[in-house]
Amino acid sequence: MTELARIGGDHGLALDPTPPGEPGVLERIRQTTSDLLGRRPEPGLLLLADLRHVHREAAGVSLDWELLAQAAQGAKERELFALAKRCHPDTLRQMRWANAKLKESATQVLTS
């Protein structure tokens, strides 16, 4: 992520090199309200929801890497193309991992 922010700076973009770590205000309010009202989903369903989120996020990032690589190739930006080519496989691995974990867990969670 820091490499992408650095290269973005070369093109006049101010990218945050560190992804957000803490949940936003709305997420904290939602969670607190849910806790106060006693609405606690089953742990297995929470796991599936989290895995679905990881998969969807990775799929979106994968598309971003594809588009970035295409743009870099078209603009003959070798360093940016090399970065996209190097990082994209990690995103694909994350997506495959989340998919495998969903398949591994879904039957038991959804039928119990």
PDB file of N, CA and C in Angstrom:
ATOM      1  N   MET A   1       0.814  -1.181   0.000  1.00  0.00           N
ATOM      2  CA  MET A   1       0.000   0.000   0.000  1.00  0.00           C
ATOM      3  C   MET A   1       0.866   1.257   0.000  1.00  0.00           C
ATOM      4  N   THR A   2       1.987   1.223   0.707  1.00  0.00           N
ATOM      5  CA  THR A   2       2.839   2.403   0.747  1.00  0.00           C
ATOM      6  C   THR A   2       3.473   2.663  -0.615  1.00  0.00           C
ATOM      7  N   GLU A   3       3.786   1.608  -1.361  1.00  0.00           N
ATOM      8  CA  GLU A   3       4.351   1.800  -2.694  1.00  0.00           C
ATOM      9  C   GLU A   3       3.354   2.469  -3.620  1.00  0.00           C
ATOM     10  N   LEU A   4       2.104   2.056  -3.542  1.00  0.00           N
ATOM     11  CA  LEU A   4       1.062   2.641  -4.378  1.00  0.00           C
ATOM     12  C   LEU A   4       0.887   4.121  -4.031  1.00  0.00           C
ATOM     13  N   ALA A   5       0.920   4.465  -2.748  1.00  0.00           N
ATOM     14  CA  ALA A   5       0.801   5.860  -2.328  1.00  0.00           C
ATOM     15  C   ALA A   5       1.993   6.665  -2.835  1.00  0.00           C
ATOM     16  N   ARG A   6       3.175   6.086  -2.785  1.00  0.00           N
ATOM     17  CA  ARG A   6       4.378   6.789  -3.257  1.00  0.00           C
ATOM     18  C   ARG A   6       4.290   7.062  -4.760  1.00  0.00           C
ATOM     19  N   ILE A   7       3.911   6.037  -5.532  1.00  0.00           N
ATOM     20  CA  ILE A   7       3.799   6.218  -6.981  1.00  0.00           C
ATOM     21  C   ILE A   7       2.672   7.183  -7.298  1.00  0.00           C
ATOM     22  N   GLY A   8       1.573   7.118  -6.542  1.00  0.00           N
ATOM     23  CA  GLY A   8       0.479   8.068  -6.740  1.00  0.00           C
ATOM     24  C   GLY A   8       0.951   9.502  -6.549  1.00  0.00           C
ATOM     25  N   GLY A   9       1.824   9.706  -5.561  1.00  0.00           N
ATOM     26  CA  GLY A   9       2.388  11.039  -5.327  1.00  0.00           C
ATOM     27  C   GLY A   9       3.151  11.561  -6.534  1.00  0.00           C
ATOM     28  N   ASP A  10       3.786  10.656  -7.281  1.00  0.00           N
ATOM     29  CA  ASP A  10       4.500  11.054  -8.504  1.00  0.00           C
ATOM     30  C   ASP A  10       3.542  11.576  -9.563  1.00  0.00           C
ATOM     31  N   HIS A  11       2.259  11.259  -9.408  1.00  0.00           N
ATOM     32  CA  HIS A  11       1.257  11.667 -10.389  1.00  0.00           C
ATOM     33  C   HIS A  11       0.275  12.682  -9.809  1.00  0.00           C
ATOM     34  N   GLY A  12       0.682  13.330  -8.714  1.00  0.00           N
ATOM     35  CA  GLY A  12      -0.134  14.382  -8.136  1.00  0.00           C
ATOM     36  C   GLY A  12      -1.287  13.904  -7.273  1.00  0.00           C
ATOM     37  N   LEU A  13      -1.270  12.639  -6.866  1.00  0.00           N
ATOM     38  CA  LEU A  13      -2.333  12.103  -6.015  1.00  0.00           C
ATOM     39  C   LEU A  13      -1.833  11.985  -4.584  1.00  0.00           C
ATOM     40  N   ALA A  14      -2.653  12.373  -3.643  1.00  0.00           N
ATOM     41  CA  ALA A  14      -2.312  12.234  -2.232  1.00  0.00           C
ATOM     42  C   ALA A  14      -3.071  11.033  -1.686  1.00  0.00           C
ATOM     43  N   LEU A  15      -2.428   9.872  -1.717  1.00  0.00           N
ATOM     44  CA  LEU A  15      -3.060   8.636  -1.250  1.00  0.00           C
ATOM     45  C   LEU A  15      -2.590   8.312   0.157  1.00  0.00           C
ATOM     46  N   ASP A  16      -3.501   7.828   0.980  1.00  0.00           N
ATOM     47  CA  ASP A  16      -3.170   7.420   2.344  1.00  0.00           C
ATOM     48  C   ASP A  16      -2.467   6.068   2.287  1.00  0.00           C
ATOM     49  N   PRO A  17      -1.224   5.975   2.750  1.00  0.00           N
ATOM     50  CA  PRO A  17      -0.492   4.706   2.661  1.00  0.00           C
ATOM     51  C   PRO A  17      -0.948   3.657   3.663  1.00  0.00           C
ATOM     52  N   THR A  18      -1.774   4.032   4.636  1.00  0.00           N
ATOM     53  CA  THR A  18      -2.243   3.065   5.619  1.00  0.00           C
ATOM     54  C   THR A  18      -3.755   2.971   5.555  1.00  0.00           C
ATOM     55  N   PRO A  19      -4.282   1.745   5.414  1.00  0.00           N
ATOM     56  CA  PRO A  19      -5.741   1.593   5.362  1.00  0.00           C
ATOM     57  C   PRO A  19      -6.352   1.898   6.726  1.00  0.00           C
ATOM     58  N   PRO A  20      -7.620   2.296   6.738  1.00  0.00           N
ATOM     59  CA  PRO A  20      -8.266   2.584   8.023  1.00  0.00           C
ATOM     60  C   PRO A  20      -8.328   1.330   8.881  1.00  0.00           C
ATOM     61  N   GLY A  21      -8.037   1.487  10.158  1.00  0.00           N
ATOM     62  CA  GLY A  21      -8.028   0.331  11.044  1.00  0.00           C
ATOM     63  C   GLY A  21      -9.203   0.287  11.989  1.00  0.00           C
ATOM     64  N   GLU A  22      -9.657   1.416  12.424  1.00  0.00           N
ATOM     65  CA  GLU A  22     -10.757   1.479  13.380  1.00  0.00           C
ATOM     66  C   GLU A  22     -12.083   1.610  12.650  1.00  0.00           C
ATOM     67  N   PRO A  23     -13.135   1.004  13.198  1.00  0.00           N
ATOM     68  CA  PRO A  23     -14.446   1.179  12.575  1.00  0.00           C
ATOM     69  C   PRO A  23     -14.888   2.631  12.674  1.00  0.00           C
ATOM     70  N   GLY A  24     -15.656   3.063  11.697  1.00  0.00           N
ATOM     71  CA  GLY A  24     -16.129   4.434  11.675  1.00  0.00           C
ATOM     72  C   GLY A  24     -17.169   4.693  12.754  1.00  0.00           C
ATOM     73  N   VAL A  25     -17.528   5.950  12.887  1.00  0.00           N
ATOM     74  CA  VAL A  25     -18.491   6.363  13.906  1.00  0.00           C
ATOM     75  C   VAL A  25     -19.821   5.633  13.721  1.00  0.00           C
ATOM     76  N   LEU A  26     -20.308   5.554  12.487  1.00  0.00           N
ATOM     77  CA  LEU A  26     -21.590   4.893  12.247  1.00  0.00           C
ATOM     78  C   LEU A  26     -21.543   3.418  12.620  1.00  0.00           C
ATOM     79  N   GLU A  27     -20.434   2.761  12.329  1.00  0.00           N
ATOM     80  CA  GLU A  27     -20.305   1.348  12.676  1.00  0.00           C
ATOM     81  C   GLU A  27     -20.295   1.167  14.190  1.00  0.00           C
ATOM     82  N   ARG A  28     -19.612   2.041  14.909  1.00  0.00           N
ATOM     83  CA  ARG A  28     -19.585   1.942  16.377  1.00  0.00           C
ATOM     84  C   ARG A  28     -20.968   2.190  16.964  1.00  0.00           C
ATOM     85  N   ILE A  29     -21.710   3.154  16.414  1.00  0.00           N
ATOM     86  CA  ILE A  29     -23.068   3.427  16.885  1.00  0.00           C
ATOM     87  C   ILE A  29     -23.966   2.222  16.618  1.00  0.00           C
ATOM     88  N   ARG A  30     -23.869   1.643  15.418  1.00  0.00           N
ATOM     89  CA  ARG A  30     -24.676   0.477  15.075  1.00  0.00           C
ATOM     90  C   ARG A  30     -24.384  -0.674  16.022  1.00  0.00           C
ATOM     91  N   GLN A  31     -23.099  -0.912  16.285  1.00  0.00           N
ATOM     92  CA  GLN A  31     -22.721  -2.015  17.163  1.00  0.00           C
ATOM     93  C   GLN A  31     -23.205  -1.774  18.591  1.00  0.00           C
ATOM     94  N   THR A  32     -23.045  -0.560  19.079  1.00  0.00           N
ATOM     95  CA  THR A  32     -23.478  -0.245  20.439  1.00  0.00           C
ATOM     96  C   THR A  32     -24.990  -0.396  20.571  1.00  0.00           C
ATOM     97  N   THR A  33     -25.727   0.100  19.585  1.00  0.00           N
ATOM     98  CA  THR A  33     -27.187  -0.023  19.596  1.00  0.00           C
ATOM     99  C   THR A  33     -27.596  -1.491  19.576  1.00  0.00           C
ATOM    100  N   SER A  34     -26.954  -2.272  18.734  1.00  0.00           N
ATOM    101  CA  SER A  34     -27.244  -3.697  18.650  1.00  0.00           C
ATOM    102  C   SER A  34     -26.984  -4.380  19.991  1.00  0.00           C
ATOM    103  N   ASP A  35     -25.875  -4.039  20.631  1.00  0.00           N
ATOM    104  CA  ASP A  35     -25.543  -4.618  21.934  1.00  0.00           C
ATOM    105  C   ASP A  35     -26.590  -4.244  22.990  1.00  0.00           C
ATOM    106  N   LEU A  36     -26.988  -2.988  23.016  1.00  0.00           N
ATOM    107  CA  LEU A  36     -27.952  -2.520  24.005  1.00  0.00           C
ATOM    108  C   LEU A  36     -29.318  -3.165  23.824  1.00  0.00           C
ATOM    109  N   LEU A  37     -29.693  -3.430  22.578  1.00  0.00           N
ATOM    110  CA  LEU A  37     -30.993  -4.029  22.303  1.00  0.00           C
ATOM    111  C   LEU A  37     -30.967  -5.555  22.389  1.00  0.00           C
ATOM    112  N   GLY A  38     -29.791  -6.105  22.624  1.00  0.00           N
ATOM    113  CA  GLY A  38     -29.687  -7.551  22.766  1.00  0.00           C
ATOM    114  C   GLY A  38     -29.738  -8.305  21.445  1.00  0.00           C
ATOM    115  N   ARG A  39     -29.491  -7.643  20.365  1.00  0.00           N
ATOM    116  CA  ARG A  39     -29.501  -8.296  19.045  1.00  0.00           C
ATOM    117  C   ARG A  39     -28.105  -8.804  18.731  1.00  0.00           C
ATOM    118  N   ARG A  40     -27.831  -9.998  19.127  1.00  0.00           N
ATOM    119  CA  ARG A  40     -26.523 -10.598  18.880  1.00  0.00           C
ATOM    120  C   ARG A  40     -26.679 -11.779  17.944  1.00  0.00           C
ATOM    121  N   PRO A  41     -26.238 -11.646  16.714  1.00  0.00           N
ATOM    122  CA  PRO A  41     -26.326 -12.770  15.785  1.00  0.00           C
ATOM    123  C   PRO A  41     -25.456 -13.943  16.249  1.00  0.00           C
ATOM    124  N   GLU A  42     -25.791 -15.096  15.777  1.00  0.00           N
ATOM    125  CA  GLU A  42     -25.004 -16.279  16.090  1.00  0.00           C
ATOM    126  C   GLU A  42     -23.584 -16.111  15.538  1.00  0.00           C
ATOM    127  N   PRO A  43     -22.591 -16.622  16.254  1.00  0.00           N
ATOM    128  CA  PRO A  43     -21.200 -16.485  15.806  1.00  0.00           C
ATOM    129  C   PRO A  43     -20.952 -17.042  14.398  1.00  0.00           C
ATOM    130  N   GLY A  44     -21.589 -18.159  14.054  1.00  0.00           N
ATOM    131  CA  GLY A  44     -21.389 -18.740  12.725  1.00  0.00           C
ATOM    132  C   GLY A  44     -21.874 -17.817  11.623  1.00  0.00           C
ATOM    133  N   LEU A  45     -23.006 -17.167  11.846  1.00  0.00           N
ATOM    134  CA  LEU A  45     -23.525 -16.226  10.844  1.00  0.00           C
ATOM    135  C   LEU A  45     -22.626 -14.998  10.724  1.00  0.00           C
ATOM    136  N   LEU A  46     -22.085 -14.572  11.859  1.00  0.00           N
ATOM    137  CA  LEU A  46     -21.133 -13.457  11.817  1.00  0.00           C
ATOM    138  C   LEU A  46     -19.889 -13.843  11.008  1.00  0.00           C
ATOM    139  N   LEU A  47     -19.430 -15.067  11.212  1.00  0.00           N
ATOM    140  CA  LEU A  47     -18.275 -15.552  10.459  1.00  0.00           C
ATOM    141  C   LEU A  47     -18.563 -15.532   8.964  1.00  0.00           C
ATOM    142  N   LEU A  48     -19.709 -16.052   8.560  1.00  0.00           N
ATOM    143  CA  LEU A  48     -20.061 -16.053   7.137  1.00  0.00           C
ATOM    144  C   LEU A  48     -20.161 -14.635   6.592  1.00  0.00           C
ATOM    145  N   ALA A  49     -20.757 -13.744   7.365  1.00  0.00           N
ATOM    146  CA  ALA A  49     -20.869 -12.352   6.918  1.00  0.00           C
ATOM    147  C   ALA A  49     -19.485 -11.731   6.747  1.00  0.00           C
ATOM    148  N   ASP A  50     -18.591 -11.994   7.687  1.00  0.00           N
ATOM    149  CA  ASP A  50     -17.235 -11.451   7.584  1.00  0.00           C
ATOM    150  C   ASP A  50     -16.497 -12.031   6.379  1.00  0.00           C
ATOM    151  N   LEU A  51     -16.640 -13.328   6.160  1.00  0.00           N
ATOM    152  CA  LEU A  51     -15.974 -13.960   5.019  1.00  0.00           C
ATOM    153  C   LEU A  51     -16.523 -13.436   3.697  1.00  0.00           C
ATOM    154  N   ARG A  52     -17.834 -13.224   3.635  1.00  0.00           N
ATOM    155  CA  ARG A  52     -18.445 -12.635   2.431  1.00  0.00           C
ATOM    156  C   ARG A  52     -17.880 -11.239   2.188  1.00  0.00           C
ATOM    157  N   HIS A  53     -17.729 -10.480   3.265  1.00  0.00           N
ATOM    158  CA  HIS A  53     -17.183  -9.126   3.146  1.00  0.00           C
ATOM    159  C   HIS A  53     -15.742  -9.177   2.621  1.00  0.00           C
ATOM    160  N   VAL A  54     -14.938 -10.062   3.187  1.00  0.00           N
ATOM    161  CA  VAL A  54     -13.542 -10.199   2.733  1.00  0.00           C
ATOM    162  C   VAL A  54     -13.510 -10.558   1.244  1.00  0.00           C
ATOM    163  N   HIS A  55     -14.364 -11.501   0.846  1.00  0.00           N
ATOM    164  CA  HIS A  55     -14.391 -11.926  -0.559  1.00  0.00           C
ATOM    165  C   HIS A  55     -14.788 -10.776  -1.478  1.00  0.00           C
ATOM    166  N   ARG A  56     -15.847 -10.050  -1.110  1.00  0.00           N
ATOM    167  CA  ARG A  56     -16.303  -8.929  -1.949  1.00  0.00           C
ATOM    168  C   ARG A  56     -15.253  -7.832  -2.034  1.00  0.00           C
ATOM    169  N   GLU A  57     -14.628  -7.520  -0.918  1.00  0.00           N
ATOM    170  CA  GLU A  57     -13.584  -6.490  -0.923  1.00  0.00           C
ATOM    171  C   GLU A  57     -12.410  -6.923  -1.811  1.00  0.00           C
ATOM    172  N   ALA A  58     -11.986  -8.166  -1.665  1.00  0.00           N
ATOM    173  CA  ALA A  58     -10.868  -8.671  -2.469  1.00  0.00           C
ATOM    174  C   ALA A  58     -11.231  -8.668  -3.953  1.00  0.00           C
ATOM    175  N   ALA A  59     -12.472  -9.011  -4.281  1.00  0.00           N
ATOM    176  CA  ALA A  59     -12.892  -8.989  -5.689  1.00  0.00           C
ATOM    177  C   ALA A  59     -12.826  -7.573  -6.242  1.00  0.00           C
ATOM    178  N   GLY A  60     -13.258  -6.609  -5.462  1.00  0.00           N
ATOM    179  CA  GLY A  60     -13.187  -5.219  -5.901  1.00  0.00           C
ATOM    180  C   GLY A  60     -11.756  -4.748  -6.072  1.00  0.00           C
ATOM    181  N   VAL A  61     -10.906  -5.113  -5.124  1.00  0.00           N
ATOM    182  CA  VAL A  61      -9.492  -4.726  -5.210  1.00  0.00           C
ATOM    183  C   VAL A  61      -8.834  -5.413  -6.405  1.00  0.00           C
ATOM    184  N   SER A  62      -9.226  -6.648  -6.667  1.00  0.00           N
ATOM    185  CA  SER A  62      -8.687  -7.364  -7.824  1.00  0.00           C
ATOM    186  C   SER A  62      -8.994  -6.608  -9.114  1.00  0.00           C
ATOM    187  N   LEU A  63     -10.233  -6.163  -9.240  1.00  0.00           N
ATOM    188  CA  LEU A  63     -10.593  -5.369 -10.420  1.00  0.00           C
ATOM    189  C   LEU A  63      -9.799  -4.076 -10.476  1.00  0.00           C
ATOM    190  N   ASP A  64      -9.582  -3.463  -9.321  1.00  0.00           N
ATOM    191  CA  ASP A  64      -8.785  -2.232  -9.287  1.00  0.00           C
ATOM    192  C   ASP A  64      -7.366  -2.477  -9.789  1.00  0.00           C
ATOM    193  N   TRP A  65      -6.765  -3.597  -9.346  1.00  0.00           N
ATOM    194  CA  TRP A  65      -5.413  -3.928  -9.816  1.00  0.00           C
ATOM    195  C   TRP A  65      -5.405  -4.140 -11.333  1.00  0.00           C
ATOM    196  N   GLU A  66      -6.442  -4.822 -11.840  1.00  0.00           N
ATOM    197  CA  GLU A  66      -6.539  -5.046 -13.288  1.00  0.00           C
ATOM    198  C   GLU A  66      -6.596  -3.719 -14.045  1.00  0.00           C
ATOM    199  N   LEU A  67      -7.462  -2.826 -13.584  1.00  0.00           N
ATOM    200  CA  LEU A  67      -7.610  -1.535 -14.250  1.00  0.00           C
ATOM    201  C   LEU A  67      -6.334  -0.707 -14.146  1.00  0.00           C
ATOM    202  N   LEU A  68      -5.717  -0.721 -12.984  1.00  0.00           N
ATOM    203  CA  LEU A  68      -4.473   0.009 -12.799  1.00  0.00           C
ATOM    204  C   LEU A  68      -3.380  -0.525 -13.714  1.00  0.00           C
ATOM    205  N   ALA A  69      -3.307  -1.854 -13.831  1.00  0.00           N
ATOM    206  CA  ALA A  69      -2.301  -2.463 -14.714  1.00  0.00           C
ATOM    207  C   ALA A  69      -2.552  -2.071 -16.167  1.00  0.00           C
ATOM    208  N   GLN A  70      -3.828  -2.071 -16.573  1.00  0.00           N
ATOM    209  CA  GLN A  70      -4.146  -1.680 -17.954  1.00  0.00           C
ATOM    210  C   GLN A  70      -3.762  -0.232 -18.212  1.00  0.00           C
ATOM    211  N   ALA A  71      -4.100   0.644 -17.263  1.00  0.00           N
ATOM    212  CA  ALA A  71      -3.759   2.060 -17.427  1.00  0.00           C
ATOM    213  C   ALA A  71      -2.247   2.264 -17.440  1.00  0.00           C
ATOM    214  N   ALA A  72      -1.548   1.581 -16.544  1.00  0.00           N
ATOM    215  CA  ALA A  72      -0.091   1.714 -16.483  1.00  0.00           C
ATOM    216  C   ALA A  72       0.559   1.206 -17.760  1.00  0.00           C
ATOM    217  N   GLN A  73       0.030   0.108 -18.277  1.00  0.00           N
ATOM    218  CA  GLN A  73       0.574  -0.442 -19.521  1.00  0.00           C
ATOM    219  C   GLN A  73       0.340   0.535 -20.669  1.00  0.00           C
ATOM    220  N   GLY A  74      -0.867   1.088 -20.734  1.00  0.00           N
ATOM    221  CA  GLY A  74      -1.185   2.036 -21.798  1.00  0.00           C
ATOM    222  C   GLY A  74      -0.375   3.317 -21.704  1.00  0.00           C
ATOM    223  N   ALA A  75      -0.089   3.759 -20.484  1.00  0.00           N
ATOM    224  CA  ALA A  75       0.682   4.988 -20.281  1.00  0.00           C
ATOM    225  C   ALA A  75       2.186   4.721 -20.252  1.00  0.00           C
ATOM    226  N   LYS A  76       2.552   3.457 -20.437  1.00  0.00           N
ATOM    227  CA  LYS A  76       3.960   3.042 -20.422  1.00  0.00           C
ATOM    228  C   LYS A  76       4.658   3.419 -19.107  1.00  0.00           C
ATOM    229  N   GLU A  77       3.907   3.213 -18.006  1.00  0.00           N
ATOM    230  CA  GLU A  77       4.439   3.431 -16.657  1.00  0.00           C
ATOM    231  C   GLU A  77       4.928   2.086 -16.136  1.00  0.00           C
ATOM    232  N   ARG A  78       6.158   1.749 -16.430  1.00  0.00           N
ATOM    233  CA  ARG A  78       6.694   0.430 -16.107  1.00  0.00           C
ATOM    234  C   ARG A  78       6.683   0.127 -14.614  1.00  0.00           C
ATOM    235  N   GLU A  79       7.055   1.094 -13.797  1.00  0.00           N
ATOM    236  CA  GLU A  79       7.124   0.852 -12.353  1.00  0.00           C
ATOM    237  C   GLU A  79       5.730   0.565 -11.789  1.00  0.00           C
ATOM    238  N   LEU A  80       4.744   1.332 -12.210  1.00  0.00           N
ATOM    239  CA  LEU A  80       3.381   1.125 -11.744  1.00  0.00           C
ATOM    240  C   LEU A  80       2.829  -0.207 -12.256  1.00  0.00           C
ATOM    241  N   PHE A  81       3.141  -0.553 -13.506  1.00  0.00           N
ATOM    242  CA  PHE A  81       2.705  -1.834 -14.060  1.00  0.00           C
ATOM    243  C   PHE A  81       3.324  -2.992 -13.274  1.00  0.00           C
ATOM    244  N   ALA A  82       4.610  -2.867 -12.965  1.00  0.00           N
ATOM    245  CA  ALA A  82       5.295  -3.918 -12.199  1.00  0.00           C
ATOM    246  C   ALA A  82       4.685  -4.067 -10.806  1.00  0.00           C
ATOM    247  N   LEU A  83       4.322  -2.950 -10.188  1.00  0.00           N
ATOM    248  CA  LEU A  83       3.698  -3.007  -8.873  1.00  0.00           C
ATOM    249  C   LEU A  83       2.354  -3.728  -8.944  1.00  0.00           C
ATOM    250  N   ALA A  84       1.543  -3.377  -9.906  1.00  0.00           N
ATOM    251  CA  ALA A  84       0.227  -4.027 -10.056  1.00  0.00           C
ATOM    252  C   ALA A  84       0.398  -5.517 -10.330  1.00  0.00           C
ATOM    253  N   LYS A  85       1.340  -5.861 -11.173  1.00  0.00           N
ATOM    254  CA  LYS A  85       1.581  -7.255 -11.514  1.00  0.00           C
ATOM    255  C   LYS A  85       2.086  -8.039 -10.302  1.00  0.00           C
ATOM    256  N   ARG A  86       2.871  -7.389  -9.459  1.00  0.00           N
ATOM    257  CA  ARG A  86       3.409  -8.041  -8.272  1.00  0.00           C
ATOM    258  C   ARG A  86       2.354  -8.188  -7.169  1.00  0.00           C
ATOM    259  N   CYS A  87       1.472  -7.202  -7.007  1.00  0.00           N
ATOM    260  CA  CYS A  87       0.514  -7.198  -5.890  1.00  0.00           C
ATOM    261  C   CYS A  87      -0.795  -7.915  -6.199  1.00  0.00           C
ATOM    262  N   HIS A  88      -1.196  -7.956  -7.449  1.00  0.00           N
ATOM    263  CA  HIS A  88      -2.481  -8.548  -7.808  1.00  0.00           C
ATOM    264  C   HIS A  88      -2.604 -10.017  -7.374  1.00  0.00           C
ATOM    265  N   PRO A  89      -1.577 -10.842  -7.515  1.00  0.00           N
ATOM    266  CA  PRO A  89      -1.705 -12.233  -7.073  1.00  0.00           C
ATOM    267  C   PRO A  89      -2.040 -12.385  -5.585  1.00  0.00           C
ATOM    268  N   ASP A  90      -1.549 -11.475  -4.742  1.00  0.00           N
ATOM    269  CA  ASP A  90      -1.892 -11.530  -3.320  1.00  0.00           C
ATOM    270  C   ASP A  90      -3.393 -11.331  -3.121  1.00  0.00           C
ATOM    271  N   THR A  91      -3.962 -10.409  -3.871  1.00  0.00           N
ATOM    272  CA  THR A  91      -5.395 -10.150  -3.773  1.00  0.00           C
ATOM    273  C   THR A  91      -6.193 -11.358  -4.251  1.00  0.00           C
ATOM    274  N   LEU A  92      -5.737 -11.982  -5.325  1.00  0.00           N
ATOM    275  CA  LEU A  92      -6.421 -13.180  -5.819  1.00  0.00           C
ATOM    276  C   LEU A  92      -6.351 -14.308  -4.797  1.00  0.00           C
ATOM    277  N   ARG A  93      -5.222 -14.429  -4.101  1.00  0.00           N
ATOM    278  CA  ARG A  93      -5.096 -15.443  -3.040  1.00  0.00           C
ATOM    279  C   ARG A  93      -6.077 -15.161  -1.901  1.00  0.00           C
ATOM    280  N   GLN A  94      -6.225 -13.897  -1.538  1.00  0.00           N
ATOM    281  CA  GLN A  94      -7.172 -13.541  -0.475  1.00  0.00           C
ATOM    282  C   GLN A  94      -8.593 -13.913  -0.882  1.00  0.00           C
ATOM    283  N   MET A  95      -8.923 -13.655  -2.125  1.00  0.00           N
ATOM    284  CA  MET A  95     -10.261 -13.963  -2.618  1.00  0.00           C
ATOM    285  C   MET A  95     -10.492 -15.477  -2.611  1.00  0.00           C
ATOM    286  N   ARG A  96      -9.513 -16.249  -3.075  1.00  0.00           N
ATOM    287  CA  ARG A  96      -9.646 -17.709  -3.079  1.00  0.00           C
ATOM    288  C   ARG A  96      -9.723 -18.259  -1.663  1.00  0.00           C
ATOM    289  N   TRP A  97      -8.943 -17.687  -0.741  1.00  0.00           N
ATOM    290  CA  TRP A  97      -8.983 -18.128   0.647  1.00  0.00           C
ATOM    291  C   TRP A  97     -10.373 -17.907   1.234  1.00  0.00           C
ATOM    292  N   ALA A  98     -10.917 -16.698   1.052  1.00  0.00           N
ATOM    293  CA  ALA A  98     -12.242 -16.389   1.594  1.00  0.00           C
ATOM    294  C   ALA A  98     -13.295 -17.305   0.986  1.00  0.00           C
ATOM    295  N   ASN A  99     -13.194 -17.563  -0.305  1.00  0.00           N
ATOM    296  CA  ASN A  99     -14.139 -18.455  -0.973  1.00  0.00           C
ATOM    297  C   ASN A  99     -14.053 -19.868  -0.394  1.00  0.00           C
ATOM    298  N   ALA A 100     -12.852 -20.357  -0.195  1.00  0.00           N
ATOM    299  CA  ALA A 100     -12.674 -21.707   0.366  1.00  0.00           C
ATOM    300  C   ALA A 100     -13.224 -21.783   1.787  1.00  0.00           C
ATOM    301  N   LYS A 101     -12.979 -20.752   2.603  1.00  0.00           N
ATOM    302  CA  LYS A 101     -13.486 -20.739   3.962  1.00  0.00           C
ATOM    303  C   LYS A 101     -15.009 -20.666   3.983  1.00  0.00           C
ATOM    304  N   LEU A 102     -15.595 -19.920   3.059  1.00  0.00           N
ATOM    305  CA  LEU A 102     -17.058 -19.871   2.959  1.00  0.00           C
ATOM    306  C   LEU A 102     -17.612 -21.259   2.649  1.00  0.00           C
ATOM    307  N   LYS A 103     -17.027 -21.930   1.676  1.00  0.00           N
ATOM    308  CA  LYS A 103     -17.487 -23.272   1.307  1.00  0.00           C
ATOM    309  C   LYS A 103     -17.307 -24.247   2.457  1.00  0.00           C
ATOM    310  N   GLU A 104     -16.217 -24.102   3.179  1.00  0.00           N
ATOM    311  CA  GLU A 104     -15.897 -24.980   4.294  1.00  0.00           C
ATOM    312  C   GLU A 104     -16.888 -24.808   5.454  1.00  0.00           C
ATOM    313  N   SER A 105     -17.336 -23.582   5.678  1.00  0.00           N
ATOM    314  CA  SER A 105     -18.163 -23.275   6.848  1.00  0.00           C
ATOM    315  C   SER A 105     -19.646 -23.205   6.579  1.00  0.00           C
ATOM    316  N   ALA A 106     -20.042 -22.872   5.373  1.00  0.00           N
ATOM    317  CA  ALA A 106     -21.442 -22.536   5.078  1.00  0.00           C
ATOM    318  C   ALA A 106     -22.424 -23.656   5.422  1.00  0.00           C
ATOM    319  N   THR A 107     -22.135 -24.875   5.014  1.00  0.00           N
ATOM    320  CA  THR A 107     -23.092 -25.962   5.240  1.00  0.00           C
ATOM    321  C   THR A 107     -23.387 -26.144   6.720  1.00  0.00           C
ATOM    322  N   GLN A 108     -22.346 -26.226   7.518  1.00  0.00           N
ATOM    323  CA  GLN A 108     -22.538 -26.440   8.953  1.00  0.00           C
ATOM    324  C   GLN A 108     -23.280 -25.260   9.576  1.00  0.00           C
ATOM    325  N   VAL A 109     -22.889 -24.042   9.244  1.00  0.00           N
ATOM    326  CA  VAL A 109     -23.509 -22.859   9.845  1.00  0.00           C
ATOM    327  C   VAL A 109     -24.964 -22.736   9.435  1.00  0.00           C
ATOM    328  N   LEU A 110     -25.240 -22.958   8.173  1.00  0.00           N
ATOM    329  CA  LEU A 110     -26.593 -22.731   7.671  1.00  0.00           C
ATOM    330  C   LEU A 110     -27.578 -23.862   7.969  1.00  0.00           C
ATOM    331  N   THR A 111     -27.055 -25.028   8.307  1.00  0.00           N
ATOM    332  CA  THR A 111     -27.978 -26.148   8.577  1.00  0.00           C
ATOM    333  C   THR A 111     -28.075 -26.486  10.062  1.00  0.00           C
ATOM    334  N   SER A 112     -27.323 -25.790  10.895  1.00  0.00           N
ATOM    335  CA  SER A 112     -27.400 -26.123  12.328  1.00  0.00           C
ATOM    336  C   SER A 112     -28.203 -25.090  13.086  1.00  0.00           C
TER     337      SER A 112
END
